[in-house]
Amino acid sequence: MCGIVEIPIRRLKTTAQYQSPGDPRNNAPRNGVAHPAMPILFVVGELDSTVYALRISRDGRLDPFQVVSCLPDNFIGFSRASAVVLSLDGARLHVSNRGHDSICTFDVVDGGRLASPRWTGSDGRTPRFACYNPEGTGLLVANEESDTIASIPSGGSGPAMLVARTASPTCIAFRHGAPGKLSVPHSAEAH
């Protein structure tokens, strides 16, 4: 979605548009995720490292109601937001920060508002992609420039643990296997 200010909503069979509070060309919407129980879409602004919370109206219009930073107030430096992951129960939203090299976790509260941001180091450089492990107990983070995949506790706080080393990971996929067993692709060296 980088650089696009029109977001297709396929399930609603309409094209929704929104105007960000700032100039849309300055925030570059990158990824979005819909809440599982509320008509809300969370969109990550890549260039300004923000999350836009948008209500999805019955006619498919997206109405922004909150914009929050994915970076700590005291951070000075270059960083770009990338991945956005919502817990299955819709209670937590995770965003990766490439440059700050962290995962920002928000609680999703009262009508879909984001609150209580906290940051956990990604245990690598340039966390481009993130997803929950098959058990839902940890967030897996693909650190592109350090060639690692790390796991962070699902609550968004606690130390990251190295899971695998693999060349320039930009996504993580799972193959079906025995329940409770993580299947690491053959190109990754498990730790």
N, C-alpha and C. Protein backbone atom coordinates (compact mmCIF):
# COMPACT_ATOMS: atom_id res chain seq x y z
N MET A 1 0.81 -1.18 0.00
CA MET A 1 0.00 0.00 0.00
C MET A 1 0.86 1.26 0.00
N CYS A 2 2.14 1.15 -0.02
CA CYS A 2 3.02 2.29 0.09
C CYS A 2 2.66 3.38 -0.91
N GLY A 3 2.40 4.58 -0.42
CA GLY A 3 2.13 5.72 -1.27
C GLY A 3 0.71 5.81 -1.78
N ILE A 4 -0.15 4.89 -1.42
CA ILE A 4 -1.52 4.89 -1.93
C ILE A 4 -2.44 5.50 -0.88
N VAL A 5 -3.34 6.38 -1.31
CA VAL A 5 -4.28 6.95 -0.36
C VAL A 5 -5.69 6.45 -0.60
N GLU A 6 -5.84 5.47 -1.48
CA GLU A 6 -7.12 4.81 -1.71
C GLU A 6 -6.96 3.37 -1.27
N ILE A 7 -7.85 2.91 -0.42
CA ILE A 7 -7.74 1.58 0.14
C ILE A 7 -8.94 0.74 -0.31
N PRO A 8 -8.72 -0.32 -1.12
CA PRO A 8 -9.86 -1.14 -1.55
C PRO A 8 -10.35 -2.01 -0.39
N ILE A 9 -11.64 -2.03 -0.19
CA ILE A 9 -12.26 -2.87 0.83
C ILE A 9 -13.03 -3.94 0.06
N ARG A 10 -12.43 -5.11 -0.11
CA ARG A 10 -13.02 -6.13 -0.96
C ARG A 10 -14.27 -6.75 -0.35
N ARG A 11 -14.26 -7.03 0.92
CA ARG A 11 -15.41 -7.70 1.53
C ARG A 11 -16.66 -6.82 1.47
N LEU A 12 -16.47 -5.50 1.55
CA LEU A 12 -17.61 -4.59 1.49
C LEU A 12 -18.00 -4.26 0.05
N LYS A 13 -17.21 -4.75 -0.91
CA LYS A 13 -17.44 -4.53 -2.33
C LYS A 13 -17.59 -3.04 -2.66
N THR A 14 -16.66 -2.26 -2.13
CA THR A 14 -16.62 -0.84 -2.42
C THR A 14 -15.18 -0.38 -2.31
N THR A 15 -14.90 0.80 -2.76
CA THR A 15 -13.59 1.39 -2.59
C THR A 15 -13.74 2.54 -1.62
N ALA A 16 -13.04 2.47 -0.52
CA ALA A 16 -13.14 3.52 0.50
C ALA A 16 -11.95 4.45 0.37
N GLN A 17 -12.17 5.71 0.65
CA GLN A 17 -11.10 6.69 0.62
C GLN A 17 -11.09 7.41 1.95
N TYR A 18 -9.91 7.83 2.36
CA TYR A 18 -9.81 8.65 3.56
C TYR A 18 -8.75 9.70 3.35
N GLN A 19 -8.90 10.78 4.04
CA GLN A 19 -7.89 11.82 4.05
C GLN A 19 -7.24 11.77 5.42
N SER A 20 -5.94 11.59 5.43
CA SER A 20 -5.24 11.54 6.71
C SER A 20 -5.18 12.95 7.29
N PRO A 21 -5.02 13.07 8.61
CA PRO A 21 -4.92 14.39 9.21
C PRO A 21 -3.77 15.21 8.65
N GLY A 22 -2.70 14.56 8.18
CA GLY A 22 -1.60 15.25 7.53
C GLY A 22 -1.69 15.02 6.03
N ASP A 23 -0.71 15.44 5.30
CA ASP A 23 -0.64 15.22 3.86
C ASP A 23 -0.38 13.74 3.62
N PRO A 24 -1.29 13.03 2.94
CA PRO A 24 -1.12 11.58 2.75
C PRO A 24 0.19 11.21 2.07
N ARG A 25 0.73 12.10 1.24
CA ARG A 25 2.00 11.79 0.58
C ARG A 25 3.15 11.73 1.58
N ASN A 26 2.96 12.29 2.76
CA ASN A 26 4.02 12.29 3.77
C ASN A 26 3.96 11.08 4.69
N ASN A 27 2.87 10.32 4.69
CA ASN A 27 2.81 9.20 5.63
C ASN A 27 2.87 7.84 4.95
N ALA A 28 2.61 7.74 3.67
CA ALA A 28 2.71 6.50 2.90
C ALA A 28 2.08 5.30 3.60
N PRO A 29 0.75 5.14 3.52
CA PRO A 29 0.11 3.97 4.11
C PRO A 29 0.78 2.70 3.60
N ARG A 30 1.21 1.83 4.52
CA ARG A 30 1.97 0.64 4.11
C ARG A 30 1.17 -0.64 4.26
N ASN A 31 0.64 -0.89 5.43
CA ASN A 31 -0.11 -2.11 5.71
C ASN A 31 -1.30 -1.77 6.58
N GLY A 32 -2.31 -2.61 6.50
CA GLY A 32 -3.50 -2.41 7.33
C GLY A 32 -4.03 -3.73 7.82
N VAL A 33 -4.80 -3.66 8.90
CA VAL A 33 -5.41 -4.86 9.46
C VAL A 33 -6.78 -4.47 10.03
N ALA A 34 -7.78 -5.32 9.77
CA ALA A 34 -9.13 -5.06 10.27
C ALA A 34 -9.32 -5.72 11.63
N HIS A 35 -10.06 -5.04 12.50
CA HIS A 35 -10.38 -5.61 13.81
C HIS A 35 -11.37 -6.77 13.63
N PRO A 36 -11.22 -7.87 14.39
CA PRO A 36 -12.09 -9.03 14.19
C PRO A 36 -13.53 -8.84 14.67
N ALA A 37 -13.78 -7.87 15.55
CA ALA A 37 -15.12 -7.73 16.11
C ALA A 37 -15.73 -6.35 15.93
N MET A 38 -14.95 -5.37 15.55
CA MET A 38 -15.45 -4.00 15.37
C MET A 38 -15.16 -3.54 13.95
N PRO A 39 -15.98 -2.63 13.43
CA PRO A 39 -15.73 -2.13 12.07
C PRO A 39 -14.62 -1.07 12.08
N ILE A 40 -13.41 -1.54 12.36
CA ILE A 40 -12.26 -0.65 12.48
C ILE A 40 -11.11 -1.21 11.67
N LEU A 41 -10.40 -0.31 10.99
CA LEU A 41 -9.21 -0.66 10.24
C LEU A 41 -8.04 0.12 10.82
N PHE A 42 -6.94 -0.57 11.10
CA PHE A 42 -5.72 0.08 11.58
C PHE A 42 -4.74 0.10 10.40
N VAL A 43 -4.26 1.29 10.03
CA VAL A 43 -3.35 1.45 8.90
C VAL A 43 -2.05 2.07 9.41
N VAL A 44 -0.93 1.48 9.00
CA VAL A 44 0.39 1.99 9.40
C VAL A 44 0.87 3.00 8.36
N GLY A 45 1.26 4.19 8.83
CA GLY A 45 1.91 5.18 7.99
C GLY A 45 3.41 4.93 8.01
N GLU A 46 3.95 4.47 6.90
CA GLU A 46 5.36 4.08 6.86
C GLU A 46 6.30 5.24 7.14
N LEU A 47 6.10 6.35 6.46
CA LEU A 47 7.08 7.43 6.52
C LEU A 47 7.03 8.23 7.82
N ASP A 48 5.86 8.33 8.45
CA ASP A 48 5.79 9.10 9.70
C ASP A 48 5.66 8.19 10.92
N SER A 49 5.79 6.88 10.73
CA SER A 49 5.75 5.91 11.84
C SER A 49 4.55 6.13 12.75
N THR A 50 3.36 6.10 12.13
CA THR A 50 2.12 6.28 12.87
C THR A 50 1.17 5.15 12.58
N VAL A 51 0.15 5.03 13.44
CA VAL A 51 -0.98 4.14 13.18
C VAL A 51 -2.21 5.01 13.10
N TYR A 52 -2.98 4.82 12.04
CA TYR A 52 -4.25 5.51 11.85
C TYR A 52 -5.36 4.53 12.18
N ALA A 53 -6.22 4.88 13.12
CA ALA A 53 -7.39 4.07 13.43
C ALA A 53 -8.56 4.68 12.67
N LEU A 54 -9.23 3.86 11.86
CA LEU A 54 -10.30 4.34 11.00
C LEU A 54 -11.56 3.51 11.22
N ARG A 55 -12.68 4.18 11.39
CA ARG A 55 -13.96 3.48 11.47
C ARG A 55 -14.44 3.20 10.05
N ILE A 56 -14.96 2.00 9.84
CA ILE A 56 -15.51 1.63 8.54
C ILE A 56 -17.02 1.83 8.63
N SER A 57 -17.54 2.78 7.87
CA SER A 57 -18.98 3.06 7.92
C SER A 57 -19.73 2.00 7.12
N ARG A 58 -21.04 1.97 7.26
CA ARG A 58 -21.86 0.98 6.55
C ARG A 58 -21.74 1.12 5.03
N ASP A 59 -21.47 2.36 4.57
CA ASP A 59 -21.34 2.56 3.13
C ASP A 59 -19.89 2.42 2.65
N GLY A 60 -18.98 1.96 3.55
CA GLY A 60 -17.60 1.69 3.17
C GLY A 60 -16.65 2.85 3.34
N ARG A 61 -17.13 3.98 3.85
CA ARG A 61 -16.25 5.13 4.06
C ARG A 61 -15.35 4.86 5.27
N LEU A 62 -14.11 5.32 5.20
CA LEU A 62 -13.18 5.19 6.31
C LEU A 62 -13.04 6.56 6.99
N ASP A 63 -13.41 6.61 8.26
CA ASP A 63 -13.35 7.85 9.02
C ASP A 63 -12.28 7.75 10.10
N PRO A 64 -11.19 8.53 9.97
CA PRO A 64 -10.14 8.47 10.99
C PRO A 64 -10.64 9.03 12.32
N PHE A 65 -10.29 8.32 13.41
CA PHE A 65 -10.67 8.83 14.72
C PHE A 65 -9.49 8.89 15.69
N GLN A 66 -8.33 8.36 15.27
CA GLN A 66 -7.15 8.45 16.13
C GLN A 66 -5.89 8.26 15.28
N VAL A 67 -4.86 9.02 15.61
CA VAL A 67 -3.54 8.86 15.00
C VAL A 67 -2.54 8.83 16.15
N VAL A 68 -1.72 7.78 16.21
CA VAL A 68 -0.74 7.66 17.28
C VAL A 68 0.62 7.30 16.70
N SER A 69 1.67 7.75 17.37
CA SER A 69 3.03 7.44 16.95
C SER A 69 3.41 6.04 17.39
N CYS A 70 4.23 5.39 16.57
CA CYS A 70 4.76 4.06 16.90
C CYS A 70 6.14 4.18 17.55
N LEU A 71 6.63 5.40 17.71
CA LEU A 71 7.97 5.63 18.26
C LEU A 71 7.88 6.31 19.61
N PRO A 72 8.83 6.06 20.50
CA PRO A 72 8.84 6.77 21.78
C PRO A 72 9.04 8.26 21.56
N ASP A 73 8.48 9.08 22.44
CA ASP A 73 8.60 10.54 22.34
C ASP A 73 10.05 11.00 22.31
N ASN A 74 10.93 10.28 23.00
CA ASN A 74 12.32 10.73 23.10
C ASN A 74 13.23 10.17 21.99
N PHE A 75 12.65 9.45 21.01
CA PHE A 75 13.47 8.89 19.93
C PHE A 75 13.83 9.99 18.93
N ILE A 76 15.11 10.08 18.62
CA ILE A 76 15.60 10.98 17.58
C ILE A 76 16.41 10.13 16.62
N GLY A 77 16.01 10.12 15.37
CA GLY A 77 16.72 9.32 14.38
C GLY A 77 15.79 8.91 13.26
N PHE A 78 16.30 8.11 12.36
CA PHE A 78 15.57 7.65 11.19
C PHE A 78 14.88 6.33 11.51
N SER A 79 13.59 6.25 11.25
CA SER A 79 12.86 5.01 11.45
C SER A 79 11.63 5.02 10.55
N ARG A 80 11.23 3.85 10.10
CA ARG A 80 10.03 3.70 9.29
C ARG A 80 9.23 2.52 9.81
N ALA A 81 7.92 2.71 9.94
CA ALA A 81 7.04 1.63 10.38
C ALA A 81 6.84 0.66 9.22
N SER A 82 6.55 -0.60 9.55
CA SER A 82 6.39 -1.60 8.49
C SER A 82 5.22 -2.53 8.77
N ALA A 83 5.45 -3.57 9.55
CA ALA A 83 4.42 -4.59 9.79
C ALA A 83 3.39 -4.11 10.79
N VAL A 84 2.17 -4.59 10.64
CA VAL A 84 1.12 -4.36 11.63
C VAL A 84 0.41 -5.70 11.85
N VAL A 85 0.30 -6.09 13.12
CA VAL A 85 -0.28 -7.38 13.48
C VAL A 85 -1.27 -7.16 14.62
N LEU A 86 -2.45 -7.72 14.47
CA LEU A 86 -3.48 -7.63 15.51
C LEU A 86 -3.65 -9.02 16.12
N SER A 87 -3.70 -9.08 17.45
CA SER A 87 -3.92 -10.37 18.11
C SER A 87 -5.28 -10.92 17.68
N LEU A 88 -5.43 -12.23 17.73
CA LEU A 88 -6.68 -12.86 17.28
C LEU A 88 -7.90 -12.36 18.03
N ASP A 89 -7.72 -12.02 19.31
CA ASP A 89 -8.86 -11.51 20.08
C ASP A 89 -9.04 -10.00 19.91
N GLY A 90 -8.18 -9.35 19.14
CA GLY A 90 -8.29 -7.92 18.89
C GLY A 90 -7.87 -7.04 20.05
N ALA A 91 -7.22 -7.61 21.06
CA ALA A 91 -6.86 -6.86 22.27
C ALA A 91 -5.53 -6.12 22.16
N ARG A 92 -4.64 -6.55 21.24
CA ARG A 92 -3.32 -5.92 21.11
C ARG A 92 -2.99 -5.70 19.64
N LEU A 93 -2.34 -4.55 19.37
CA LEU A 93 -1.86 -4.24 18.04
C LEU A 93 -0.36 -4.06 18.12
N HIS A 94 0.38 -4.72 17.23
CA HIS A 94 1.84 -4.65 17.19
C HIS A 94 2.27 -4.00 15.88
N VAL A 95 3.27 -3.12 15.95
CA VAL A 95 3.82 -2.46 14.77
C VAL A 95 5.33 -2.54 14.83
N SER A 96 5.96 -2.91 13.70
CA SER A 96 7.43 -2.96 13.68
C SER A 96 8.00 -1.62 13.24
N ASN A 97 9.12 -1.25 13.86
CA ASN A 97 9.82 0.01 13.56
C ASN A 97 11.20 -0.31 13.02
N ARG A 98 11.41 -0.03 11.73
CA ARG A 98 12.71 -0.26 11.09
C ARG A 98 13.54 1.01 11.28
N GLY A 99 14.59 0.92 12.04
CA GLY A 99 15.43 2.07 12.40
C GLY A 99 15.51 2.14 13.92
N HIS A 100 14.37 2.24 14.57
CA HIS A 100 14.31 2.11 16.03
C HIS A 100 14.52 0.65 16.40
N ASP A 101 14.30 -0.24 15.44
CA ASP A 101 14.48 -1.69 15.58
C ASP A 101 13.74 -2.23 16.80
N SER A 102 12.43 -2.01 16.76
CA SER A 102 11.58 -2.40 17.88
C SER A 102 10.21 -2.83 17.38
N ILE A 103 9.46 -3.40 18.30
CA ILE A 103 8.04 -3.68 18.10
C ILE A 103 7.31 -2.81 19.11
N CYS A 104 6.39 -1.99 18.62
CA CYS A 104 5.54 -1.18 19.49
C CYS A 104 4.23 -1.94 19.65
N THR A 105 3.82 -2.13 20.89
CA THR A 105 2.57 -2.84 21.18
C THR A 105 1.60 -1.87 21.85
N PHE A 106 0.39 -1.81 21.33
CA PHE A 106 -0.69 -1.00 21.90
C PHE A 106 -1.76 -1.93 22.44
N ASP A 107 -2.44 -1.52 23.50
CA ASP A 107 -3.67 -2.17 23.91
C ASP A 107 -4.79 -1.56 23.09
N VAL A 108 -5.74 -2.38 22.64
CA VAL A 108 -6.92 -1.88 21.93
C VAL A 108 -8.03 -1.81 22.96
N VAL A 109 -8.50 -0.59 23.24
CA VAL A 109 -9.48 -0.35 24.31
C VAL A 109 -10.70 0.37 23.77
N ASP A 110 -11.63 0.68 24.65
CA ASP A 110 -12.84 1.48 24.40
C ASP A 110 -13.11 1.85 22.94
N GLY A 111 -13.87 1.03 22.27
CA GLY A 111 -14.30 1.34 20.91
C GLY A 111 -13.20 1.32 19.87
N GLY A 112 -12.07 0.67 20.16
CA GLY A 112 -11.00 0.54 19.19
C GLY A 112 -9.87 1.54 19.32
N ARG A 113 -9.89 2.34 20.38
CA ARG A 113 -8.79 3.29 20.59
C ARG A 113 -7.53 2.53 21.01
N LEU A 114 -6.38 3.09 20.61
CA LEU A 114 -5.09 2.50 20.97
C LEU A 114 -4.54 3.20 22.20
N ALA A 115 -4.03 2.41 23.15
CA ALA A 115 -3.54 2.97 24.42
C ALA A 115 -2.32 2.19 24.90
N SER A 116 -1.65 2.75 25.87
CA SER A 116 -0.55 2.11 26.59
C SER A 116 0.55 1.58 25.67
N PRO A 117 1.14 2.42 24.83
CA PRO A 117 2.21 1.92 23.96
C PRO A 117 3.41 1.46 24.77
N ARG A 118 4.02 0.37 24.33
CA ARG A 118 5.25 -0.13 24.95
C ARG A 118 6.12 -0.69 23.84
N TRP A 119 7.43 -0.65 24.06
CA TRP A 119 8.37 -1.04 23.02
C TRP A 119 9.26 -2.17 23.50
N THR A 120 9.48 -3.12 22.62
CA THR A 120 10.38 -4.24 22.87
C THR A 120 11.36 -4.28 21.72
N GLY A 121 12.65 -4.43 22.04
CA GLY A 121 13.66 -4.56 20.98
C GLY A 121 13.38 -5.77 20.12
N SER A 122 13.65 -5.66 18.83
CA SER A 122 13.38 -6.76 17.91
C SER A 122 14.50 -7.79 17.86
N ASP A 123 15.57 -7.57 18.61
CA ASP A 123 16.71 -8.48 18.65
C ASP A 123 17.36 -8.61 17.28
N GLY A 124 17.31 -7.51 16.50
CA GLY A 124 17.93 -7.50 15.19
C GLY A 124 17.72 -6.16 14.51
N ARG A 125 18.22 -6.04 13.28
CA ARG A 125 18.09 -4.79 12.52
C ARG A 125 17.01 -4.93 11.44
N THR A 126 16.24 -3.88 11.30
CA THR A 126 15.22 -3.74 10.26
C THR A 126 14.13 -4.81 10.36
N PRO A 127 13.30 -4.76 11.41
CA PRO A 127 12.18 -5.70 11.53
C PRO A 127 11.10 -5.38 10.49
N ARG A 128 11.15 -6.08 9.37
CA ARG A 128 10.26 -5.79 8.23
C ARG A 128 8.90 -6.46 8.35
N PHE A 129 8.85 -7.66 8.91
CA PHE A 129 7.62 -8.44 8.93
C PHE A 129 7.43 -9.03 10.32
N ALA A 130 6.18 -9.22 10.72
CA ALA A 130 5.88 -9.86 12.00
C ALA A 130 4.56 -10.63 11.86
N CYS A 131 4.43 -11.69 12.64
CA CYS A 131 3.18 -12.46 12.70
C CYS A 131 3.20 -13.28 13.98
N TYR A 132 2.02 -13.73 14.40
CA TYR A 132 1.97 -14.62 15.56
C TYR A 132 2.42 -16.02 15.15
N ASN A 133 3.04 -16.72 16.11
CA ASN A 133 3.36 -18.12 15.84
C ASN A 133 2.05 -18.91 15.81
N PRO A 134 2.08 -20.16 15.31
CA PRO A 134 0.82 -20.92 15.17
C PRO A 134 0.06 -21.11 16.49
N GLU A 135 0.77 -21.14 17.61
CA GLU A 135 0.11 -21.31 18.90
C GLU A 135 -0.46 -20.00 19.43
N GLY A 136 -0.05 -18.87 18.85
CA GLY A 136 -0.52 -17.57 19.32
C GLY A 136 0.16 -17.11 20.60
N THR A 137 1.26 -17.75 20.97
CA THR A 137 1.93 -17.42 22.24
C THR A 137 3.08 -16.45 22.07
N GLY A 138 3.49 -16.20 20.85
CA GLY A 138 4.61 -15.29 20.63
C GLY A 138 4.50 -14.62 19.28
N LEU A 139 5.10 -13.45 19.19
CA LEU A 139 5.13 -12.70 17.95
C LEU A 139 6.48 -12.96 17.29
N LEU A 140 6.47 -13.48 16.08
CA LEU A 140 7.70 -13.73 15.34
C LEU A 140 8.03 -12.51 14.49
N VAL A 141 9.30 -12.11 14.52
CA VAL A 141 9.74 -10.89 13.85
C VAL A 141 10.87 -11.23 12.89
N ALA A 142 10.71 -10.86 11.60
CA ALA A 142 11.73 -11.07 10.57
C ALA A 142 12.62 -9.84 10.51
N ASN A 143 13.84 -9.96 11.01
CA ASN A 143 14.82 -8.86 11.01
C ASN A 143 15.66 -8.96 9.74
N GLU A 144 15.28 -8.17 8.74
CA GLU A 144 15.85 -8.30 7.40
C GLU A 144 17.36 -8.09 7.35
N GLU A 145 17.88 -7.04 7.96
CA GLU A 145 19.30 -6.72 7.81
C GLU A 145 20.22 -7.49 8.74
N SER A 146 19.68 -8.17 9.74
CA SER A 146 20.54 -8.99 10.60
C SER A 146 20.35 -10.48 10.33
N ASP A 147 19.50 -10.81 9.34
CA ASP A 147 19.32 -12.20 8.91
C ASP A 147 18.82 -13.11 10.03
N THR A 148 17.88 -12.60 10.83
CA THR A 148 17.37 -13.38 11.95
C THR A 148 15.85 -13.32 12.04
N ILE A 149 15.29 -14.32 12.70
CA ILE A 149 13.89 -14.32 13.10
C ILE A 149 13.89 -14.47 14.61
N ALA A 150 13.21 -13.56 15.29
CA ALA A 150 13.14 -13.57 16.75
C ALA A 150 11.70 -13.72 17.20
N SER A 151 11.52 -14.17 18.44
CA SER A 151 10.20 -14.32 19.03
C SER A 151 10.09 -13.39 20.23
N ILE A 152 8.96 -12.68 20.30
CA ILE A 152 8.67 -11.76 21.40
C ILE A 152 7.40 -12.25 22.08
N PRO A 153 7.32 -12.22 23.41
CA PRO A 153 6.09 -12.66 24.08
C PRO A 153 4.86 -11.92 23.53
N SER A 154 3.73 -12.62 23.43
CA SER A 154 2.54 -12.07 22.79
C SER A 154 2.00 -10.81 23.46
N GLY A 155 2.32 -10.60 24.73
CA GLY A 155 1.87 -9.40 25.42
C GLY A 155 2.64 -8.16 25.01
N GLY A 156 3.73 -8.34 24.28
CA GLY A 156 4.50 -7.21 23.79
C GLY A 156 5.57 -6.71 24.73
N SER A 157 5.81 -7.44 25.81
CA SER A 157 6.91 -7.04 26.69
C SER A 157 7.67 -8.29 27.10
N GLY A 158 8.94 -8.11 27.34
CA GLY A 158 9.80 -9.24 27.65
C GLY A 158 10.88 -9.35 26.60
N PRO A 159 11.91 -10.09 26.89
CA PRO A 159 13.04 -10.17 25.96
C PRO A 159 12.70 -10.96 24.71
N ALA A 160 13.30 -10.54 23.60
CA ALA A 160 13.17 -11.28 22.35
C ALA A 160 14.14 -12.45 22.38
N MET A 161 13.74 -13.56 21.77
CA MET A 161 14.59 -14.75 21.70
C MET A 161 14.84 -15.09 20.24
N LEU A 162 16.09 -15.39 19.91
CA LEU A 162 16.44 -15.82 18.57
C LEU A 162 15.80 -17.16 18.27
N VAL A 163 15.10 -17.25 17.13
CA VAL A 163 14.44 -18.49 16.72
C VAL A 163 15.18 -19.13 15.55
N ALA A 164 15.64 -18.28 14.60
CA ALA A 164 16.29 -18.83 13.40
C ALA A 164 17.19 -17.79 12.76
N ARG A 165 18.16 -18.28 12.02
CA ARG A 165 19.00 -17.43 11.16
C ARG A 165 18.68 -17.83 9.72
N THR A 166 18.44 -16.84 8.89
CA THR A 166 18.14 -17.08 7.49
C THR A 166 18.43 -15.81 6.71
N ALA A 167 18.82 -15.93 5.48
CA ALA A 167 19.24 -14.77 4.69
C ALA A 167 18.08 -13.80 4.45
N SER A 168 18.25 -12.57 4.92
CA SER A 168 17.36 -11.45 4.63
C SER A 168 15.86 -11.79 4.70
N PRO A 169 15.36 -12.23 5.86
CA PRO A 169 13.94 -12.61 5.92
C PRO A 169 13.02 -11.39 5.76
N THR A 170 12.05 -11.53 4.87
CA THR A 170 11.07 -10.46 4.66
C THR A 170 9.65 -10.94 4.90
N CYS A 171 9.47 -12.22 5.15
CA CYS A 171 8.16 -12.75 5.54
C CYS A 171 8.39 -14.08 6.25
N ILE A 172 7.35 -14.56 6.88
CA ILE A 172 7.40 -15.84 7.60
C ILE A 172 6.16 -16.62 7.19
N ALA A 173 6.34 -17.87 6.80
CA ALA A 173 5.22 -18.73 6.43
C ALA A 173 5.33 -20.03 7.20
N PHE A 174 4.20 -20.67 7.44
CA PHE A 174 4.16 -21.92 8.18
C PHE A 174 3.59 -23.01 7.29
N ARG A 175 4.10 -24.20 7.46
CA ARG A 175 3.48 -25.34 6.79
C ARG A 175 2.75 -26.12 7.88
N HIS A 176 1.70 -26.78 7.50
CA HIS A 176 0.92 -27.54 8.47
C HIS A 176 1.73 -28.73 8.95
N GLY A 177 1.70 -28.94 10.24
CA GLY A 177 2.41 -30.05 10.83
C GLY A 177 1.68 -30.49 12.09
N ALA A 178 2.37 -31.19 12.92
CA ALA A 178 1.78 -31.63 14.18
C ALA A 178 1.44 -30.42 15.04
N PRO A 179 0.26 -30.40 15.68
CA PRO A 179 -0.09 -29.28 16.55
C PRO A 179 0.99 -29.06 17.61
N GLY A 180 1.28 -27.82 17.87
CA GLY A 180 2.26 -27.49 18.90
C GLY A 180 3.70 -27.53 18.42
N LYS A 181 3.93 -27.90 17.17
CA LYS A 181 5.30 -27.96 16.65
C LYS A 181 5.48 -26.87 15.61
N LEU A 182 6.49 -26.06 15.79
CA LEU A 182 6.83 -25.01 14.84
C LEU A 182 7.65 -25.63 13.72
N SER A 183 7.18 -25.48 12.49
CA SER A 183 7.90 -25.99 11.33
C SER A 183 8.68 -24.84 10.71
N VAL A 184 9.98 -24.89 10.80
CA VAL A 184 10.83 -23.85 10.24
C VAL A 184 11.19 -24.25 8.82
N PRO A 185 11.06 -23.34 7.85
CA PRO A 185 11.42 -23.69 6.47
C PRO A 185 12.85 -24.22 6.39
N HIS A 186 13.10 -25.12 5.44
CA HIS A 186 14.42 -25.77 5.34
C HIS A 186 15.56 -24.78 5.13
N SER A 187 15.26 -23.57 4.62
CA SER A 187 16.33 -22.60 4.38
C SER A 187 16.76 -21.87 5.65
N ALA A 188 16.06 -22.07 6.74
CA ALA A 188 16.39 -21.41 8.00
C ALA A 188 17.10 -22.39 8.93
N GLU A 189 18.09 -21.90 9.62
CA GLU A 189 18.83 -22.69 10.59
C GLU A 189 18.20 -22.47 11.95
N ALA A 190 17.51 -23.46 12.50
CA ALA A 190 16.82 -23.31 13.79
C ALA A 190 17.80 -23.26 14.93
N HIS A 191 17.42 -22.51 15.96
CA HIS A 191 18.23 -22.40 17.18
C HIS A 191 17.44 -22.85 18.37
